[in-house]
Amino acid sequence: MKKVCPDCKVPFEVDFEEFGEGDAVTCPECNLEFTIICKEPGKFKLIESKALEMEEMEEESGEDNEDYEYDED
């Protein structure tokens, strides 16, 4: 699969037979890290690792905010 890095705009090839879901792949030019995600069997997608981490943190903090009670003074 060909991917174009959103940061440096350099195209690079990712061989999904070498990697599996959850593996990290880096751009050969700028070293931006991507995580391999499998949305459907046999279909893979690359997501920026930082963006994926931010989504996970937002999901976790959203759950915590629902259970958190505070008083406004």
PDB file of N, CA and C in Angstrom:
ATOM      1  N   MET A   1       0.842  -1.166   0.000  1.00  0.00           N
ATOM      2  CA  MET A   1       0.000   0.000   0.000  1.00  0.00           C
ATOM      3  C   MET A   1       0.892   1.235   0.000  1.00  0.00           C
ATOM      4  N   LYS A   2       0.554   2.196  -0.834  1.00  0.00           N
ATOM      5  CA  LYS A   2       1.300   3.436  -0.864  1.00  0.00           C
ATOM      6  C   LYS A   2       0.656   4.438   0.075  1.00  0.00           C
ATOM      7  N   LYS A   3       1.484   5.151   0.793  1.00  0.00           N
ATOM      8  CA  LYS A   3       1.037   6.171   1.733  1.00  0.00           C
ATOM      9  C   LYS A   3       1.835   7.435   1.462  1.00  0.00           C
ATOM     10  N   VAL A   4       1.190   8.584   1.531  1.00  0.00           N
ATOM     11  CA  VAL A   4       1.884   9.857   1.420  1.00  0.00           C
ATOM     12  C   VAL A   4       1.884  10.479   2.810  1.00  0.00           C
ATOM     13  N   CYS A   5       3.070  10.785   3.290  1.00  0.00           N
ATOM     14  CA  CYS A   5       3.198  11.359   4.621  1.00  0.00           C
ATOM     15  C   CYS A   5       2.554  12.748   4.643  1.00  0.00           C
ATOM     16  N   PRO A   6       1.633  12.999   5.579  1.00  0.00           N
ATOM     17  CA  PRO A   6       0.983  14.308   5.643  1.00  0.00           C
ATOM     18  C   PRO A   6       1.926  15.416   6.109  1.00  0.00           C
ATOM     19  N   ASP A   7       3.032  15.046   6.736  1.00  0.00           N
ATOM     20  CA  ASP A   7       3.963  16.034   7.258  1.00  0.00           C
ATOM     21  C   ASP A   7       4.953  16.509   6.192  1.00  0.00           C
ATOM     22  N   CYS A   8       5.650  15.567   5.541  1.00  0.00           N
ATOM     23  CA  CYS A   8       6.689  15.933   4.577  1.00  0.00           C
ATOM     24  C   CYS A   8       6.290  15.685   3.122  1.00  0.00           C
ATOM     25  N   LYS A   9       5.123  15.068   2.893  1.00  0.00           N
ATOM     26  CA  LYS A   9       4.569  14.814   1.553  1.00  0.00           C
ATOM     27  C   LYS A   9       5.368  13.810   0.719  1.00  0.00           C
ATOM     28  N   VAL A  10       6.198  13.002   1.370  1.00  0.00           N
ATOM     29  CA  VAL A  10       6.981  11.983   0.669  1.00  0.00           C
ATOM     30  C   VAL A  10       6.175  10.689   0.593  1.00  0.00           C
ATOM     31  N   PRO A  11       6.018  10.106  -0.611  1.00  0.00           N
ATOM     32  CA  PRO A  11       5.321   8.814  -0.716  1.00  0.00           C
ATOM     33  C   PRO A  11       6.239   7.666  -0.267  1.00  0.00           C
ATOM     34  N   PHE A  12       5.646   6.681   0.393  1.00  0.00           N
ATOM     35  CA  PHE A  12       6.399   5.495   0.777  1.00  0.00           C
ATOM     36  C   PHE A  12       5.481   4.283   0.737  1.00  0.00           C
ATOM     37  N   GLU A  13       6.085   3.110   0.638  1.00  0.00           N
ATOM     38  CA  GLU A  13       5.360   1.847   0.492  1.00  0.00           C
ATOM     39  C   GLU A  13       5.308   1.112   1.828  1.00  0.00           C
ATOM     40  N   VAL A  14       4.136   0.544   2.156  1.00  0.00           N
ATOM     41  CA  VAL A  14       3.969  -0.273   3.368  1.00  0.00           C
ATOM     42  C   VAL A  14       3.496  -1.654   2.930  1.00  0.00           C
ATOM     43  N   ASP A  15       4.254  -2.686   3.288  1.00  0.00           N
ATOM     44  CA  ASP A  15       3.906  -4.060   2.947  1.00  0.00           C
ATOM     45  C   ASP A  15       3.168  -4.672   4.142  1.00  0.00           C
ATOM     46  N   PHE A  16       1.848  -4.818   4.006  1.00  0.00           N
ATOM     47  CA  PHE A  16       1.038  -5.316   5.120  1.00  0.00           C
ATOM     48  C   PHE A  16       1.256  -6.799   5.395  1.00  0.00           C
ATOM     49  N   GLU A  17       1.951  -7.501   4.501  1.00  0.00           N
ATOM     50  CA  GLU A  17       2.288  -8.893   4.775  1.00  0.00           C
ATOM     51  C   GLU A  17       3.414  -8.971   5.809  1.00  0.00           C
ATOM     52  N   GLU A  18       4.221  -7.908   5.896  1.00  0.00           N
ATOM     53  CA  GLU A  18       5.310  -7.846   6.866  1.00  0.00           C
ATOM     54  C   GLU A  18       4.838  -7.412   8.242  1.00  0.00           C
ATOM     55  N   PHE A  19       3.813  -6.573   8.265  1.00  0.00           N
ATOM     56  CA  PHE A  19       3.336  -5.974   9.506  1.00  0.00           C
ATOM     57  C   PHE A  19       1.928  -6.444   9.823  1.00  0.00           C
ATOM     58  N   GLY A  20       1.528  -6.302  11.072  1.00  0.00           N
ATOM     59  CA  GLY A  20       0.180  -6.656  11.497  1.00  0.00           C
ATOM     60  C   GLY A  20      -0.476  -5.493  12.218  1.00  0.00           C
ATOM     61  N   GLU A  21      -1.734  -5.688  12.589  1.00  0.00           N
ATOM     62  CA  GLU A  21      -2.479  -4.638  13.270  1.00  0.00           C
ATOM     63  C   GLU A  21      -1.784  -4.242  14.570  1.00  0.00           C
ATOM     64  N   GLY A  22      -1.700  -2.931  14.791  1.00  0.00           N
ATOM     65  CA  GLY A  22      -1.070  -2.410  15.988  1.00  0.00           C
ATOM     66  C   GLY A  22       0.413  -2.135  15.842  1.00  0.00           C
ATOM     67  N   ASP A  23       1.013  -2.604  14.739  1.00  0.00           N
ATOM     68  CA  ASP A  23       2.438  -2.352  14.516  1.00  0.00           C
ATOM     69  C   ASP A  23       2.655  -0.895  14.132  1.00  0.00           C
ATOM     70  N   ALA A  24       3.841  -0.405  14.434  1.00  0.00           N
ATOM     71  CA  ALA A  24       4.206   0.962  14.095  1.00  0.00           C
ATOM     72  C   ALA A  24       5.032   0.968  12.812  1.00  0.00           C
ATOM     73  N   VAL A  25       4.743   1.940  11.950  1.00  0.00           N
ATOM     74  CA  VAL A  25       5.468   2.144  10.706  1.00  0.00           C
ATOM     75  C   VAL A  25       5.876   3.607  10.692  1.00  0.00           C
ATOM     76  N   THR A  26       7.110   3.896  10.276  1.00  0.00           N
ATOM     77  CA  THR A  26       7.562   5.285  10.242  1.00  0.00           C
ATOM     78  C   THR A  26       7.831   5.745   8.821  1.00  0.00           C
ATOM     79  N   CYS A  27       7.633   7.024   8.597  1.00  0.00           N
ATOM     80  CA  CYS A  27       7.958   7.638   7.317  1.00  0.00           C
ATOM     81  C   CYS A  27       9.477   7.606   7.166  1.00  0.00           C
ATOM     82  N   PRO A  28       9.986   7.149   6.027  1.00  0.00           N
ATOM     83  CA  PRO A  28      11.440   7.068   5.863  1.00  0.00           C
ATOM     84  C   PRO A  28      12.119   8.437   5.778  1.00  0.00           C
ATOM     85  N   GLU A  29      11.361   9.471   5.485  1.00  0.00           N
ATOM     86  CA  GLU A  29      11.950  10.803   5.339  1.00  0.00           C
ATOM     87  C   GLU A  29      11.970  11.590   6.648  1.00  0.00           C
ATOM     88  N   CYS A  30      10.816  11.723   7.321  1.00  0.00           N
ATOM     89  CA  CYS A  30      10.727  12.577   8.510  1.00  0.00           C
ATOM     90  C   CYS A  30      10.520  11.800   9.811  1.00  0.00           C
ATOM     91  N   ASN A  31      10.386  10.487   9.713  1.00  0.00           N
ATOM     92  CA  ASN A  31      10.210   9.605  10.878  1.00  0.00           C
ATOM     93  C   ASN A  31       8.894   9.797  11.622  1.00  0.00           C
ATOM     94  N   LEU A  32       7.875  10.352  10.980  1.00  0.00           N
ATOM     95  CA  LEU A  32       6.554  10.440  11.580  1.00  0.00           C
ATOM     96  C   LEU A  32       6.033   9.015  11.743  1.00  0.00           C
ATOM     97  N   GLU A  33       5.501   8.692  12.920  1.00  0.00           N
ATOM     98  CA  GLU A  33       5.079   7.324  13.209  1.00  0.00           C
ATOM     99  C   GLU A  33       3.588   7.131  12.951  1.00  0.00           C
ATOM    100  N   PHE A  34       3.265   6.001  12.319  1.00  0.00           N
ATOM    101  CA  PHE A  34       1.891   5.605  12.046  1.00  0.00           C
ATOM    102  C   PHE A  34       1.623   4.265  12.713  1.00  0.00           C
ATOM    103  N   THR A  35       0.369   3.998  13.052  1.00  0.00           N
ATOM    104  CA  THR A  35      -0.058   2.716  13.601  1.00  0.00           C
ATOM    105  C   THR A  35      -0.983   2.056  12.598  1.00  0.00           C
ATOM    106  N   ILE A  36      -0.799   0.759  12.389  1.00  0.00           N
ATOM    107  CA  ILE A  36      -1.634   0.005  11.449  1.00  0.00           C
ATOM    108  C   ILE A  36      -2.912  -0.421  12.155  1.00  0.00           C
ATOM    109  N   ILE A  37      -4.044  -0.099  11.540  1.00  0.00           N
ATOM    110  CA  ILE A  37      -5.365  -0.426  12.081  1.00  0.00           C
ATOM    111  C   ILE A  37      -6.104  -1.275  11.056  1.00  0.00           C
ATOM    112  N   CYS A  38      -6.793  -2.302  11.515  1.00  0.00           N
ATOM    113  CA  CYS A  38      -7.592  -3.167  10.640  1.00  0.00           C
ATOM    114  C   CYS A  38      -9.065  -2.880  10.909  1.00  0.00           C
ATOM    115  N   LYS A  39      -9.717  -2.176   9.982  1.00  0.00           N
ATOM    116  CA  LYS A  39     -11.134  -1.843  10.144  1.00  0.00           C
ATOM    117  C   LYS A  39     -12.026  -3.017   9.734  1.00  0.00           C
ATOM    118  N   GLU A  40     -11.633  -3.723   8.683  1.00  0.00           N
ATOM    119  CA  GLU A  40     -12.355  -4.896   8.191  1.00  0.00           C
ATOM    120  C   GLU A  40     -11.322  -5.968   7.864  1.00  0.00           C
ATOM    121  N   PRO A  41     -11.684  -7.230   7.904  1.00  0.00           N
ATOM    122  CA  PRO A  41     -10.719  -8.282   7.569  1.00  0.00           C
ATOM    123  C   PRO A  41     -10.104  -8.054   6.187  1.00  0.00           C
ATOM    124  N   GLY A  42      -8.775  -8.007   6.146  1.00  0.00           N
ATOM    125  CA  GLY A  42      -8.068  -7.820   4.887  1.00  0.00           C
ATOM    126  C   GLY A  42      -7.912  -6.379   4.454  1.00  0.00           C
ATOM    127  N   LYS A  43      -8.486  -5.428   5.190  1.00  0.00           N
ATOM    128  CA  LYS A  43      -8.365  -4.008   4.842  1.00  0.00           C
ATOM    129  C   LYS A  43      -7.669  -3.276   5.980  1.00  0.00           C
ATOM    130  N   PHE A  44      -6.534  -2.686   5.647  1.00  0.00           N
ATOM    131  CA  PHE A  44      -5.733  -1.998   6.648  1.00  0.00           C
ATOM    132  C   PHE A  44      -5.699  -0.505   6.391  1.00  0.00           C
ATOM    133  N   LYS A  45      -5.447   0.235   7.454  1.00  0.00           N
ATOM    134  CA  LYS A  45      -5.392   1.683   7.370  1.00  0.00           C
ATOM    135  C   LYS A  45      -4.250   2.162   8.264  1.00  0.00           C
ATOM    136  N   LEU A  46      -3.578   3.232   7.842  1.00  0.00           N
ATOM    137  CA  LEU A  46      -2.535   3.831   8.662  1.00  0.00           C
ATOM    138  C   LEU A  46      -3.082   5.087   9.315  1.00  0.00           C
ATOM    139  N   ILE A  47      -2.857   5.214  10.612  1.00  0.00           N
ATOM    140  CA  ILE A  47      -3.285   6.390  11.359  1.00  0.00           C
ATOM    141  C   ILE A  47      -2.066   6.921  12.107  1.00  0.00           C
ATOM    142  N   GLU A  48      -1.904   8.237  12.106  1.00  0.00           N
ATOM    143  CA  GLU A  48      -0.789   8.817  12.849  1.00  0.00           C
ATOM    144  C   GLU A  48      -0.864   8.352  14.295  1.00  0.00           C
ATOM    145  N   SER A  49       0.232   7.883  14.829  1.00  0.00           N
ATOM    146  CA  SER A  49       0.246   7.351  16.192  1.00  0.00           C
ATOM    147  C   SER A  49      -0.174   8.398  17.211  1.00  0.00           C
ATOM    148  N   LYS A  50       0.266   9.647  17.039  1.00  0.00           N
ATOM    149  CA  LYS A  50      -0.112  10.698  17.986  1.00  0.00           C
ATOM    150  C   LYS A  50      -1.615  10.951  17.936  1.00  0.00           C
ATOM    151  N   ALA A  51      -2.201  10.951  16.738  1.00  0.00           N
ATOM    152  CA  ALA A  51      -3.645  11.156  16.603  1.00  0.00           C
ATOM    153  C   ALA A  51      -4.407  10.012  17.253  1.00  0.00           C
ATOM    154  N   LEU A  52      -3.924   8.790  17.072  1.00  0.00           N
ATOM    155  CA  LEU A  52      -4.562   7.620  17.676  1.00  0.00           C
ATOM    156  C   LEU A  52      -4.492   7.700  19.204  1.00  0.00           C
ATOM    157  N   GLU A  53      -3.334   8.101  19.727  1.00  0.00           N
ATOM    158  CA  GLU A  53      -3.191   8.243  21.175  1.00  0.00           C
ATOM    159  C   GLU A  53      -4.129   9.318  21.717  1.00  0.00           C
ATOM    160  N   MET A  54      -4.276  10.420  20.977  1.00  0.00           N
ATOM    161  CA  MET A  54      -5.162  11.500  21.415  1.00  0.00           C
ATOM    162  C   MET A  54      -6.619  11.026  21.438  1.00  0.00           C
ATOM    163  N   GLU A  55      -7.035  10.255  20.423  1.00  0.00           N
ATOM    164  CA  GLU A  55      -8.396   9.714  20.400  1.00  0.00           C
ATOM    165  C   GLU A  55      -8.644   8.826  21.604  1.00  0.00           C
ATOM    166  N   GLU A  56      -7.677   7.962  21.906  1.00  0.00           N
ATOM    167  CA  GLU A  56      -7.820   7.055  23.045  1.00  0.00           C
ATOM    168  C   GLU A  56      -7.885   7.832  24.354  1.00  0.00           C
ATOM    169  N   MET A  57      -7.071   8.884  24.480  1.00  0.00           N
ATOM    170  CA  MET A  57      -7.079   9.692  25.699  1.00  0.00           C
ATOM    171  C   MET A  57      -8.411  10.424  25.852  1.00  0.00           C
ATOM    172  N   GLU A  58      -8.966  10.931  24.743  1.00  0.00           N
ATOM    173  CA  GLU A  58     -10.251  11.618  24.788  1.00  0.00           C
ATOM    174  C   GLU A  58     -11.360  10.665  25.196  1.00  0.00           C
ATOM    175  N   GLU A  59     -11.319   9.425  24.658  1.00  0.00           N
ATOM    176  CA  GLU A  59     -12.325   8.428  25.021  1.00  0.00           C
ATOM    177  C   GLU A  59     -12.237   8.107  26.509  1.00  0.00           C
ATOM    178  N   GLU A  60     -11.013   7.938  27.009  1.00  0.00           N
ATOM    179  CA  GLU A  60     -10.829   7.625  28.427  1.00  0.00           C
ATOM    180  C   GLU A  60     -11.270   8.791  29.298  1.00  0.00           C
ATOM    181  N   SER A  61     -10.897  10.003  28.928  1.00  0.00           N
ATOM    182  CA  SER A  61     -11.252  11.154  29.753  1.00  0.00           C
ATOM    183  C   SER A  61     -12.752  11.431  29.681  1.00  0.00           C
ATOM    184  N   GLY A  62     -13.396  11.118  28.567  1.00  0.00           N
ATOM    185  CA  GLY A  62     -14.841  11.296  28.451  1.00  0.00           C
ATOM    186  C   GLY A  62     -15.584  10.388  29.408  1.00  0.00           C
ATOM    187  N   GLU A  63     -15.111   9.174  29.575  1.00  0.00           N
ATOM    188  CA  GLU A  63     -15.738   8.248  30.518  1.00  0.00           C
ATOM    189  C   GLU A  63     -15.534   8.730  31.948  1.00  0.00           C
ATOM    190  N   ASP A  64     -14.331   9.237  32.237  1.00  0.00           N
ATOM    191  CA  ASP A  64     -14.045   9.702  33.591  1.00  0.00           C
ATOM    192  C   ASP A  64     -14.864  10.941  33.930  1.00  0.00           C
ATOM    193  N   ASN A  65     -15.076  11.824  32.954  1.00  0.00           N
ATOM    194  CA  ASN A  65     -15.824  13.048  33.207  1.00  0.00           C
ATOM    195  C   ASN A  65     -17.279  12.761  33.541  1.00  0.00           C
ATOM    196  N   GLU A  66     -17.835  11.690  33.017  1.00  0.00           N
ATOM    197  CA  GLU A  66     -19.233  11.360  33.296  1.00  0.00           C
ATOM    198  C   GLU A  66     -19.417  10.949  34.758  1.00  0.00           C
ATOM    199  N   ASP A  67     -18.412  10.305  35.323  1.00  0.00           N
ATOM    200  CA  ASP A  67     -18.523   9.826  36.691  1.00  0.00           C
ATOM    201  C   ASP A  67     -18.038  10.847  37.718  1.00  0.00           C
ATOM    202  N   TYR A  68     -17.442  11.922  37.262  1.00  0.00           N
ATOM    203  CA  TYR A  68     -16.864  12.899  38.164  1.00  0.00           C
ATOM    204  C   TYR A  68     -17.901  13.940  38.567  1.00  0.00           C
ATOM    205  N   GLU A  69     -18.036  14.139  39.860  1.00  0.00           N
ATOM    206  CA  GLU A  69     -18.960  15.145  40.368  1.00  0.00           C
ATOM    207  C   GLU A  69     -18.151  16.245  41.036  1.00  0.00           C
ATOM    208  N   TYR A  70     -18.570  17.475  40.856  1.00  0.00           N
ATOM    209  CA  TYR A  70     -17.873  18.578  41.484  1.00  0.00           C
ATOM    210  C   TYR A  70     -18.879  19.671  41.850  1.00  0.00           C
ATOM    211  N   ASP A  71     -18.476  20.481  42.810  1.00  0.00           N
ATOM    212  CA  ASP A  71     -19.317  21.595  43.258  1.00  0.00           C
ATOM    213  C   ASP A  71     -18.760  22.892  42.685  1.00  0.00           C
ATOM    214  N   GLU A  72     -19.644  23.713  42.155  1.00  0.00           N
ATOM    215  CA  GLU A  72     -19.228  25.023  41.680  1.00  0.00           C
ATOM    216  C   GLU A  72     -19.428  26.013  42.814  1.00  0.00           C
ATOM    217  N   ASP A  73     -18.380  26.725  43.160  1.00  0.00           N
ATOM    218  CA  ASP A  73     -18.461  27.732  44.230  1.00  0.00           C
ATOM    219  C   ASP A  73     -18.360  29.117  43.659  1.00  0.00           C
TER     220      ASP A  73
END
